[in-house]
Structure formats: structure tokens, C-alpha cells
Amino acid sequence: MPSLLKLAAMGMRDIDCEQIFDSVGFLKEYQITDSLIRAYSLQNGISSYILTLDGFSKAMHAAFYLRQKAYFSVLQNGVDAIRLMREAKEMED
């Protein structure tokens, strides 16, 4: 969770200042977040909690690429984020 919050803070800083400050740092933090989410799901199984975290991280990753106009990455991560959030919602229903 701290890694996801750091990822969100880095993304919000870029949005607030209308420029990209630290692309390398953001992408490294995304990789850390992604690996932590995978490790958590391997250890604890798939739950709506982990699907939600994964969906949020992929959505932030997609937003990062949207600002850089890398639309293929936006599409791939955005669709994954929506799918994960829907799966999380279905688990809760």
C-alpha cells in the first residue's frame, strides 16, 4: 500500500504542475508496486482488495502514458484497469 500511495503522489504532482517531473522514478515505482501486488496475491490469493489495488495502479500507469501521448500503452493498461475493477466489484456482489 505505501508503494501505491507513493505512485499516486508522484502522479498527482505531475498533474498539479502540468508537467512530468520524474518519468524514471514513476516507472520504477510502478514496477515496485506491480511486483508487490503480485507477491501479495501469490501469498494470500486473489481478493477484491488486491484486484482493486492492481486496478488503481494500472489506471495511474495508463494516466502517466496518456500525458505522454503513448496511446497504445494507455489502451492496454486502461482496459486492464477497468477489467480488474469490474472483477473486484463482482467479487463483492
PDB file of N, CA and C in Angstrom:
ATOM      1  N   MET A   1       0.805  -1.202   0.000  1.00  0.00           N
ATOM      2  CA  MET A   1       0.000   0.000   0.000  1.00  0.00           C
ATOM      3  C   MET A   1       0.853   1.273   0.000  1.00  0.00           C
ATOM      4  N   PRO A   2       1.937   1.355   0.778  1.00  0.00           N
ATOM      5  CA  PRO A   2       2.757   2.578   0.721  1.00  0.00           C
ATOM      6  C   PRO A   2       3.310   2.851  -0.672  1.00  0.00           C
ATOM      7  N   SER A   3       3.678   1.801  -1.389  1.00  0.00           N
ATOM      8  CA  SER A   3       4.203   1.975  -2.742  1.00  0.00           C
ATOM      9  C   SER A   3       3.122   2.532  -3.668  1.00  0.00           C
ATOM     10  N   LEU A   4       1.889   2.064  -3.507  1.00  0.00           N
ATOM     11  CA  LEU A   4       0.780   2.571  -4.325  1.00  0.00           C
ATOM     12  C   LEU A   4       0.499   4.032  -3.997  1.00  0.00           C
ATOM     13  N   LEU A   5       0.574   4.386  -2.731  1.00  0.00           N
ATOM     14  CA  LEU A   5       0.369   5.787  -2.343  1.00  0.00           C
ATOM     15  C   LEU A   5       1.471   6.686  -2.898  1.00  0.00           C
ATOM     16  N   LYS A   6       2.708   6.188  -2.892  1.00  0.00           N
ATOM     17  CA  LYS A   6       3.812   6.963  -3.469  1.00  0.00           C
ATOM     18  C   LYS A   6       3.598   7.157  -4.967  1.00  0.00           C
ATOM     19  N   LEU A   7       3.148   6.104  -5.633  1.00  0.00           N
ATOM     20  CA  LEU A   7       2.846   6.190  -7.062  1.00  0.00           C
ATOM     21  C   LEU A   7       1.772   7.247  -7.316  1.00  0.00           C
ATOM     22  N   ALA A   8       0.734   7.250  -6.493  1.00  0.00           N
ATOM     23  CA  ALA A   8      -0.341   8.238  -6.636  1.00  0.00           C
ATOM     24  C   ALA A   8       0.179   9.652  -6.391  1.00  0.00           C
ATOM     25  N   ALA A   9       1.012   9.814  -5.377  1.00  0.00           N
ATOM     26  CA  ALA A   9       1.558  11.143  -5.073  1.00  0.00           C
ATOM     27  C   ALA A   9       2.424  11.656  -6.211  1.00  0.00           C
ATOM     28  N   MET A  10       3.226  10.773  -6.794  1.00  0.00           N
ATOM     29  CA  MET A  10       4.072  11.187  -7.916  1.00  0.00           C
ATOM     30  C   MET A  10       3.210  11.595  -9.112  1.00  0.00           C
ATOM     31  N   GLY A  11       2.168  10.824  -9.375  1.00  0.00           N
ATOM     32  CA  GLY A  11       1.280  11.147 -10.485  1.00  0.00           C
ATOM     33  C   GLY A  11       0.528  12.445 -10.255  1.00  0.00           C
ATOM     34  N   MET A  12       0.060  12.672  -9.032  1.00  0.00           N
ATOM     35  CA  MET A  12      -0.675  13.895  -8.721  1.00  0.00           C
ATOM     36  C   MET A  12       0.232  15.124  -8.808  1.00  0.00           C
ATOM     37  N   ARG A  13       1.471  14.971  -8.400  1.00  0.00           N
ATOM     38  CA  ARG A  13       2.413  16.090  -8.504  1.00  0.00           C
ATOM     39  C   ARG A  13       2.575  16.510  -9.960  1.00  0.00           C
ATOM     40  N   ASP A  14       2.681  15.521 -10.836  1.00  0.00           N
ATOM     41  CA  ASP A  14       2.808  15.828 -12.259  1.00  0.00           C
ATOM     42  C   ASP A  14       1.558  16.533 -12.787  1.00  0.00           C
ATOM     43  N   ILE A  15       0.386  16.073 -12.379  1.00  0.00           N
ATOM     44  CA  ILE A  15      -0.866  16.683 -12.837  1.00  0.00           C
ATOM     45  C   ILE A  15      -1.000  18.098 -12.300  1.00  0.00           C
ATOM     46  N   ASP A  16      -0.697  18.285 -11.014  1.00  0.00           N
ATOM     47  CA  ASP A  16      -0.818  19.610 -10.397  1.00  0.00           C
ATOM     48  C   ASP A  16       0.087  20.640 -11.060  1.00  0.00           C
ATOM     49  N   CYS A  17       1.266  20.216 -11.452  1.00  0.00           N
ATOM     50  CA  CYS A  17       2.235  21.154 -12.034  1.00  0.00           C
ATOM     51  C   CYS A  17       2.188  21.171 -13.558  1.00  0.00           C
ATOM     52  N   GLU A  18       1.312  20.360 -14.136  1.00  0.00           N
ATOM     53  CA  GLU A  18       1.119  20.290 -15.578  1.00  0.00           C
ATOM     54  C   GLU A  18       2.405  19.993 -16.346  1.00  0.00           C
ATOM     55  N   GLN A  19       3.246  19.196 -15.745  1.00  0.00           N
ATOM     56  CA  GLN A  19       4.425  18.699 -16.446  1.00  0.00           C
ATOM     57  C   GLN A  19       4.885  17.408 -15.777  1.00  0.00           C
ATOM     58  N   ILE A  20       5.687  16.656 -16.484  1.00  0.00           N
ATOM     59  CA  ILE A  20       6.173  15.386 -15.957  1.00  0.00           C
ATOM     60  C   ILE A  20       7.528  15.635 -15.323  1.00  0.00           C
ATOM     61  N   PHE A  21       7.609  15.362 -14.022  1.00  0.00           N
ATOM     62  CA  PHE A  21       8.837  15.623 -13.282  1.00  0.00           C
ATOM     63  C   PHE A  21       9.837  14.487 -13.333  1.00  0.00           C
ATOM     64  N   ASP A  22       9.362  13.298 -13.039  1.00  0.00           N
ATOM     65  CA  ASP A  22      10.291  12.192 -12.826  1.00  0.00           C
ATOM     66  C   ASP A  22       9.755  10.918 -13.480  1.00  0.00           C
ATOM     67  N   SER A  23       9.888  10.827 -14.786  1.00  0.00           N
ATOM     68  CA  SER A  23       9.384   9.661 -15.511  1.00  0.00           C
ATOM     69  C   SER A  23      10.043   8.378 -15.034  1.00  0.00           C
ATOM     70  N   VAL A  24      11.336   8.399 -14.892  1.00  0.00           N
ATOM     71  CA  VAL A  24      12.071   7.203 -14.478  1.00  0.00           C
ATOM     72  C   VAL A  24      11.631   6.776 -13.074  1.00  0.00           C
ATOM     73  N   GLY A  25      11.520   7.723 -12.171  1.00  0.00           N
ATOM     74  CA  GLY A  25      11.084   7.417 -10.808  1.00  0.00           C
ATOM     75  C   GLY A  25       9.680   6.855 -10.774  1.00  0.00           C
ATOM     76  N   PHE A  26       8.782   7.430 -11.565  1.00  0.00           N
ATOM     77  CA  PHE A  26       7.406   6.941 -11.620  1.00  0.00           C
ATOM     78  C   PHE A  26       7.369   5.513 -12.138  1.00  0.00           C
ATOM     79  N   LEU A  27       8.095   5.248 -13.222  1.00  0.00           N
ATOM     80  CA  LEU A  27       8.082   3.905 -13.801  1.00  0.00           C
ATOM     81  C   LEU A  27       8.734   2.876 -12.876  1.00  0.00           C
ATOM     82  N   LYS A  28       9.781   3.277 -12.173  1.00  0.00           N
ATOM     83  CA  LYS A  28      10.394   2.369 -11.189  1.00  0.00           C
ATOM     84  C   LYS A  28       9.420   2.070 -10.065  1.00  0.00           C
ATOM     85  N   GLU A  29       8.725   3.093  -9.589  1.00  0.00           N
ATOM     86  CA  GLU A  29       7.765   2.890  -8.504  1.00  0.00           C
ATOM     87  C   GLU A  29       6.597   2.027  -8.973  1.00  0.00           C
ATOM     88  N   TYR A  30       6.195   2.184 -10.231  1.00  0.00           N
ATOM     89  CA  TYR A  30       5.144   1.321 -10.773  1.00  0.00           C
ATOM     90  C   TYR A  30       5.608  -0.139 -10.784  1.00  0.00           C
ATOM     91  N   GLN A  31       6.844  -0.379 -11.197  1.00  0.00           N
ATOM     92  CA  GLN A  31       7.371  -1.749 -11.212  1.00  0.00           C
ATOM     93  C   GLN A  31       7.423  -2.338  -9.805  1.00  0.00           C
ATOM     94  N   ILE A  32       7.825  -1.525  -8.835  1.00  0.00           N
ATOM     95  CA  ILE A  32       7.853  -1.979  -7.441  1.00  0.00           C
ATOM     96  C   ILE A  32       6.441  -2.317  -6.981  1.00  0.00           C
ATOM     97  N   THR A  33       5.507  -1.416  -7.264  1.00  0.00           N
ATOM     98  CA  THR A  33       4.113  -1.630  -6.872  1.00  0.00           C
ATOM     99  C   THR A  33       3.564  -2.893  -7.518  1.00  0.00           C
ATOM    100  N   ASP A  34       3.815  -3.066  -8.806  1.00  0.00           N
ATOM    101  CA  ASP A  34       3.332  -4.239  -9.520  1.00  0.00           C
ATOM    102  C   ASP A  34       3.910  -5.524  -8.926  1.00  0.00           C
ATOM    103  N   SER A  35       5.187  -5.531  -8.611  1.00  0.00           N
ATOM    104  CA  SER A  35       5.795  -6.745  -8.045  1.00  0.00           C
ATOM    105  C   SER A  35       5.270  -7.022  -6.637  1.00  0.00           C
ATOM    106  N   LEU A  36       5.017  -5.985  -5.847  1.00  0.00           N
ATOM    107  CA  LEU A  36       4.448  -6.180  -4.516  1.00  0.00           C
ATOM    108  C   LEU A  36       3.023  -6.720  -4.590  1.00  0.00           C
ATOM    109  N   ILE A  37       2.252  -6.222  -5.541  1.00  0.00           N
ATOM    110  CA  ILE A  37       0.884  -6.720  -5.725  1.00  0.00           C
ATOM    111  C   ILE A  37       0.903  -8.190  -6.133  1.00  0.00           C
ATOM    112  N   ARG A  38       1.794  -8.533  -7.038  1.00  0.00           N
ATOM    113  CA  ARG A  38       1.908  -9.938  -7.468  1.00  0.00           C
ATOM    114  C   ARG A  38       2.332 -10.841  -6.306  1.00  0.00           C
ATOM    115  N   ALA A  39       3.303 -10.390  -5.538  1.00  0.00           N
ATOM    116  CA  ALA A  39       3.773 -11.186  -4.399  1.00  0.00           C
ATOM    117  C   ALA A  39       2.658 -11.372  -3.371  1.00  0.00           C
ATOM    118  N   TYR A  40       1.913 -10.305  -3.110  1.00  0.00           N
ATOM    119  CA  TYR A  40       0.801 -10.387  -2.154  1.00  0.00           C
ATOM    120  C   TYR A  40      -0.249 -11.374  -2.638  1.00  0.00           C
ATOM    121  N   SER A  41      -0.579 -11.321  -3.929  1.00  0.00           N
ATOM    122  CA  SER A  41      -1.616 -12.217  -4.442  1.00  0.00           C
ATOM    123  C   SER A  41      -1.145 -13.666  -4.453  1.00  0.00           C
ATOM    124  N   LEU A  42       0.133 -13.901  -4.682  1.00  0.00           N
ATOM    125  CA  LEU A  42       0.660 -15.270  -4.617  1.00  0.00           C
ATOM    126  C   LEU A  42       0.606 -15.813  -3.198  1.00  0.00           C
ATOM    127  N   GLN A  43       0.887 -14.956  -2.241  1.00  0.00           N
ATOM    128  CA  GLN A  43       0.911 -15.384  -0.843  1.00  0.00           C
ATOM    129  C   GLN A  43      -0.492 -15.500  -0.248  1.00  0.00           C
ATOM    130  N   ASN A  44      -1.391 -14.593  -0.623  1.00  0.00           N
ATOM    131  CA  ASN A  44      -2.702 -14.536   0.020  1.00  0.00           C
ATOM    132  C   ASN A  44      -3.869 -14.885  -0.884  1.00  0.00           C
ATOM    133  N   GLY A  45      -3.620 -15.107  -2.143  1.00  0.00           N
ATOM    134  CA  GLY A  45      -4.697 -15.410  -3.080  1.00  0.00           C
ATOM    135  C   GLY A  45      -5.306 -14.141  -3.659  1.00  0.00           C
ATOM    136  N   ILE A  46      -6.202 -14.348  -4.599  1.00  0.00           N
ATOM    137  CA  ILE A  46      -6.870 -13.230  -5.265  1.00  0.00           C
ATOM    138  C   ILE A  46      -8.079 -12.820  -4.436  1.00  0.00           C
ATOM    139  N   SER A  47      -8.193 -11.536  -4.198  1.00  0.00           N
ATOM    140  CA  SER A  47      -9.331 -10.989  -3.464  1.00  0.00           C
ATOM    141  C   SER A  47      -9.747  -9.682  -4.127  1.00  0.00           C
ATOM    142  N   SER A  48     -10.893  -9.171  -3.724  1.00  0.00           N
ATOM    143  CA  SER A  48     -11.333  -7.889  -4.280  1.00  0.00           C
ATOM    144  C   SER A  48     -10.354  -6.787  -3.888  1.00  0.00           C
ATOM    145  N   TYR A  49      -9.738  -6.918  -2.717  1.00  0.00           N
ATOM    146  CA  TYR A  49      -8.755  -5.930  -2.252  1.00  0.00           C
ATOM    147  C   TYR A  49      -7.570  -5.857  -3.209  1.00  0.00           C
ATOM    148  N   ILE A  50      -6.994  -6.992  -3.531  1.00  0.00           N
ATOM    149  CA  ILE A  50      -5.805  -6.995  -4.385  1.00  0.00           C
ATOM    150  C   ILE A  50      -6.160  -6.606  -5.819  1.00  0.00           C
ATOM    151  N   LEU A  51      -7.350  -6.995  -6.276  1.00  0.00           N
ATOM    152  CA  LEU A  51      -7.785  -6.589  -7.614  1.00  0.00           C
ATOM    153  C   LEU A  51      -7.968  -5.074  -7.687  1.00  0.00           C
ATOM    154  N   THR A  52      -8.500  -4.485  -6.618  1.00  0.00           N
ATOM    155  CA  THR A  52      -8.681  -3.038  -6.577  1.00  0.00           C
ATOM    156  C   THR A  52      -7.335  -2.318  -6.598  1.00  0.00           C
ATOM    157  N   LEU A  53      -6.386  -2.786  -5.781  1.00  0.00           N
ATOM    158  CA  LEU A  53      -5.059  -2.171  -5.781  1.00  0.00           C
ATOM    159  C   LEU A  53      -4.405  -2.279  -7.153  1.00  0.00           C
ATOM    160  N   ASP A  54      -4.518  -3.437  -7.757  1.00  0.00           N
ATOM    161  CA  ASP A  54      -3.933  -3.639  -9.074  1.00  0.00           C
ATOM    162  C   ASP A  54      -4.615  -2.748 -10.106  1.00  0.00           C
ATOM    163  N   GLY A  55      -5.925  -2.620 -10.019  1.00  0.00           N
ATOM    164  CA  GLY A  55      -6.657  -1.750 -10.932  1.00  0.00           C
ATOM    165  C   GLY A  55      -6.251  -0.298 -10.794  1.00  0.00           C
ATOM    166  N   PHE A  56      -6.114   0.164  -9.544  1.00  0.00           N
ATOM    167  CA  PHE A  56      -5.685   1.548  -9.326  1.00  0.00           C
ATOM    168  C   PHE A  56      -4.290   1.793  -9.885  1.00  0.00           C
ATOM    169  N   SER A  57      -3.381   0.859  -9.642  1.00  0.00           N
ATOM    170  CA  SER A  57      -2.007   1.077 -10.124  1.00  0.00           C
ATOM    171  C   SER A  57      -1.958   1.097 -11.648  1.00  0.00           C
ATOM    172  N   LYS A  58      -2.716   0.223 -12.287  1.00  0.00           N
ATOM    173  CA  LYS A  58      -2.738   0.209 -13.755  1.00  0.00           C
ATOM    174  C   LYS A  58      -3.411   1.464 -14.310  1.00  0.00           C
ATOM    175  N   ALA A  59      -4.419   1.960 -13.626  1.00  0.00           N
ATOM    176  CA  ALA A  59      -5.067   3.198 -14.060  1.00  0.00           C
ATOM    177  C   ALA A  59      -4.096   4.371 -13.974  1.00  0.00           C
ATOM    178  N   MET A  60      -3.316   4.434 -12.900  1.00  0.00           N
ATOM    179  CA  MET A  60      -2.325   5.508 -12.777  1.00  0.00           C
ATOM    180  C   MET A  60      -1.245   5.382 -13.842  1.00  0.00           C
ATOM    181  N   HIS A  61      -0.868   4.154 -14.131  1.00  0.00           N
ATOM    182  CA  HIS A  61       0.132   3.898 -15.175  1.00  0.00           C
ATOM    183  C   HIS A  61      -0.416   4.347 -16.530  1.00  0.00           C
ATOM    184  N   ALA A  62      -1.676   4.056 -16.790  1.00  0.00           N
ATOM    185  CA  ALA A  62      -2.305   4.484 -18.040  1.00  0.00           C
ATOM    186  C   ALA A  62      -2.361   6.009 -18.122  1.00  0.00           C
ATOM    187  N   ALA A  63      -2.710   6.658 -17.012  1.00  0.00           N
ATOM    188  CA  ALA A  63      -2.779   8.127 -16.995  1.00  0.00           C
ATOM    189  C   ALA A  63      -1.407   8.740 -17.271  1.00  0.00           C
ATOM    190  N   PHE A  64      -0.363   8.116 -16.741  1.00  0.00           N
ATOM    191  CA  PHE A  64       1.002   8.586 -16.988  1.00  0.00           C
ATOM    192  C   PHE A  64       1.291   8.586 -18.488  1.00  0.00           C
ATOM    193  N   TYR A  65       0.956   7.486 -19.166  1.00  0.00           N
ATOM    194  CA  TYR A  65       1.216   7.397 -20.600  1.00  0.00           C
ATOM    195  C   TYR A  65       0.282   8.284 -21.413  1.00  0.00           C
ATOM    196  N   LEU A  66      -0.898   8.547 -20.896  1.00  0.00           N
ATOM    197  CA  LEU A  66      -1.811   9.450 -21.592  1.00  0.00           C
ATOM    198  C   LEU A  66      -1.203  10.842 -21.698  1.00  0.00           C
ATOM    199  N   ARG A  67      -0.565  11.294 -20.614  1.00  0.00           N
ATOM    200  CA  ARG A  67       0.078  12.609 -20.627  1.00  0.00           C
ATOM    201  C   ARG A  67       1.231  12.653 -21.631  1.00  0.00           C
ATOM    202  N   GLN A  68       1.825  11.501 -21.904  1.00  0.00           N
ATOM    203  CA  GLN A  68       2.929  11.444 -22.870  1.00  0.00           C
ATOM    204  C   GLN A  68       2.443  11.092 -24.278  1.00  0.00           C
ATOM    205  N   LYS A  69       1.148  10.946 -24.423  1.00  0.00           N
ATOM    206  CA  LYS A  69       0.509  10.623 -25.704  1.00  0.00           C
ATOM    207  C   LYS A  69       0.989   9.295 -26.285  1.00  0.00           C
ATOM    208  N   ALA A  70       1.257   8.336 -25.411  1.00  0.00           N
ATOM    209  CA  ALA A  70       1.620   6.980 -25.823  1.00  0.00           C
ATOM    210  C   ALA A  70       0.346   6.134 -25.732  1.00  0.00           C
ATOM    211  N   TYR A  71      -0.493   6.270 -26.743  1.00  0.00           N
ATOM    212  CA  TYR A  71      -1.855   5.755 -26.677  1.00  0.00           C
ATOM    213  C   TYR A  71      -1.955   4.233 -26.628  1.00  0.00           C
ATOM    214  N   PHE A  72      -1.004   3.502 -27.205  1.00  0.00           N
ATOM    215  CA  PHE A  72      -1.050   2.046 -27.142  1.00  0.00           C
ATOM    216  C   PHE A  72      -0.919   1.578 -25.693  1.00  0.00           C
ATOM    217  N   SER A  73       0.014   2.167 -24.956  1.00  0.00           N
ATOM    218  CA  SER A  73       0.180   1.817 -23.539  1.00  0.00           C
ATOM    219  C   SER A  73      -1.040   2.226 -22.727  1.00  0.00           C
ATOM    220  N   VAL A  74      -1.628   3.367 -23.078  1.00  0.00           N
ATOM    221  CA  VAL A  74      -2.838   3.829 -22.392  1.00  0.00           C
ATOM    222  C   VAL A  74      -3.947   2.807 -22.580  1.00  0.00           C
ATOM    223  N   LEU A  75      -4.148   2.371 -23.791  1.00  0.00           N
ATOM    224  CA  LEU A  75      -5.213   1.426 -24.093  1.00  0.00           C
ATOM    225  C   LEU A  75      -5.007   0.112 -23.352  1.00  0.00           C
ATOM    226  N   GLN A  76      -3.806  -0.419 -23.420  1.00  0.00           N
ATOM    227  CA  GLN A  76      -3.511  -1.695 -22.775  1.00  0.00           C
ATOM    228  C   GLN A  76      -3.741  -1.623 -21.265  1.00  0.00           C
ATOM    229  N   ASN A  77      -3.152  -0.637 -20.612  1.00  0.00           N
ATOM    230  CA  ASN A  77      -3.274  -0.530 -19.158  1.00  0.00           C
ATOM    231  C   ASN A  77      -4.662  -0.070 -18.731  1.00  0.00           C
ATOM    232  N   GLY A  78      -5.277   0.789 -19.509  1.00  0.00           N
ATOM    233  CA  GLY A  78      -6.610   1.269 -19.172  1.00  0.00           C
ATOM    234  C   GLY A  78      -7.642   0.159 -19.211  1.00  0.00           C
ATOM    235  N   VAL A  79      -7.589  -0.662 -20.244  1.00  0.00           N
ATOM    236  CA  VAL A  79      -8.514  -1.792 -20.354  1.00  0.00           C
ATOM    237  C   VAL A  79      -8.272  -2.786 -19.227  1.00  0.00           C
ATOM    238  N   ASP A  80      -7.014  -3.048 -18.914  1.00  0.00           N
ATOM    239  CA  ASP A  80      -6.700  -3.944 -17.793  1.00  0.00           C
ATOM    240  C   ASP A  80      -7.239  -3.389 -16.476  1.00  0.00           C
ATOM    241  N   ALA A  81      -7.089  -2.091 -16.270  1.00  0.00           N
ATOM    242  CA  ALA A  81      -7.568  -1.466 -15.036  1.00  0.00           C
ATOM    243  C   ALA A  81      -9.080  -1.611 -14.906  1.00  0.00           C
ATOM    244  N   ILE A  82      -9.798  -1.360 -15.983  1.00  0.00           N
ATOM    245  CA  ILE A  82     -11.257  -1.488 -15.955  1.00  0.00           C
ATOM    246  C   ILE A  82     -11.668  -2.928 -15.674  1.00  0.00           C
ATOM    247  N   ARG A  83     -11.014  -3.869 -16.326  1.00  0.00           N
ATOM    248  CA  ARG A  83     -11.318  -5.289 -16.116  1.00  0.00           C
ATOM    249  C   ARG A  83     -11.094  -5.699 -14.659  1.00  0.00           C
ATOM    250  N   LEU A  84      -9.971  -5.272 -14.097  1.00  0.00           N
ATOM    251  CA  LEU A  84      -9.661  -5.618 -12.706  1.00  0.00           C
ATOM    252  C   LEU A  84     -10.678  -5.022 -11.734  1.00  0.00           C
ATOM    253  N   MET A  85     -11.075  -3.782 -11.983  1.00  0.00           N
ATOM    254  CA  MET A  85     -12.056  -3.138 -11.104  1.00  0.00           C
ATOM    255  C   MET A  85     -13.416  -3.831 -11.208  1.00  0.00           C
ATOM    256  N   ARG A  86     -13.788  -4.243 -12.412  1.00  0.00           N
ATOM    257  CA  ARG A  86     -15.048  -4.975 -12.569  1.00  0.00           C
ATOM    258  C   ARG A  86     -14.994  -6.319 -11.842  1.00  0.00           C
ATOM    259  N   GLU A  87     -13.868  -7.010 -11.952  1.00  0.00           N
ATOM    260  CA  GLU A  87     -13.715  -8.296 -11.243  1.00  0.00           C
ATOM    261  C   GLU A  87     -13.811  -8.082  -9.734  1.00  0.00           C
ATOM    262  N   ALA A  88     -13.189  -7.027  -9.240  1.00  0.00           N
ATOM    263  CA  ALA A  88     -13.257  -6.731  -7.804  1.00  0.00           C
ATOM    264  C   ALA A  88     -14.698  -6.468  -7.372  1.00  0.00           C
ATOM    265  N   LYS A  89     -15.422  -5.719  -8.173  1.00  0.00           N
ATOM    266  CA  LYS A  89     -16.820  -5.418  -7.859  1.00  0.00           C
ATOM    267  C   LYS A  89     -17.664  -6.687  -7.859  1.00  0.00           C
ATOM    268  N   GLU A  90     -17.438  -7.548  -8.846  1.00  0.00           N
ATOM    269  CA  GLU A  90     -18.190  -8.797  -8.921  1.00  0.00           C
ATOM    270  C   GLU A  90     -17.924  -9.695  -7.710  1.00  0.00           C
ATOM    271  N   MET A  91     -16.690  -9.679  -7.217  1.00  0.00           N
ATOM    272  CA  MET A  91     -16.369 -10.469  -6.019  1.00  0.00           C
ATOM    273  C   MET A  91     -17.119  -9.979  -4.795  1.00  0.00           C
ATOM    274  N   GLU A  92     -17.342  -8.677  -4.753  1.00  0.00           N
ATOM    275  CA  GLU A  92     -18.018  -8.074  -3.607  1.00  0.00           C
ATOM    276  C   GLU A  92     -19.533  -8.245  -3.653  1.00  0.00           C
ATOM    277  N   ASP A  93     -20.079  -8.424  -4.862  1.00  0.00           N
ATOM    278  CA  ASP A  93     -21.543  -8.571  -5.002  1.00  0.00           C
ATOM    279  C   ASP A  93     -22.038  -9.922  -4.597  1.00  0.00           C
TER     280      ASP A  93
END
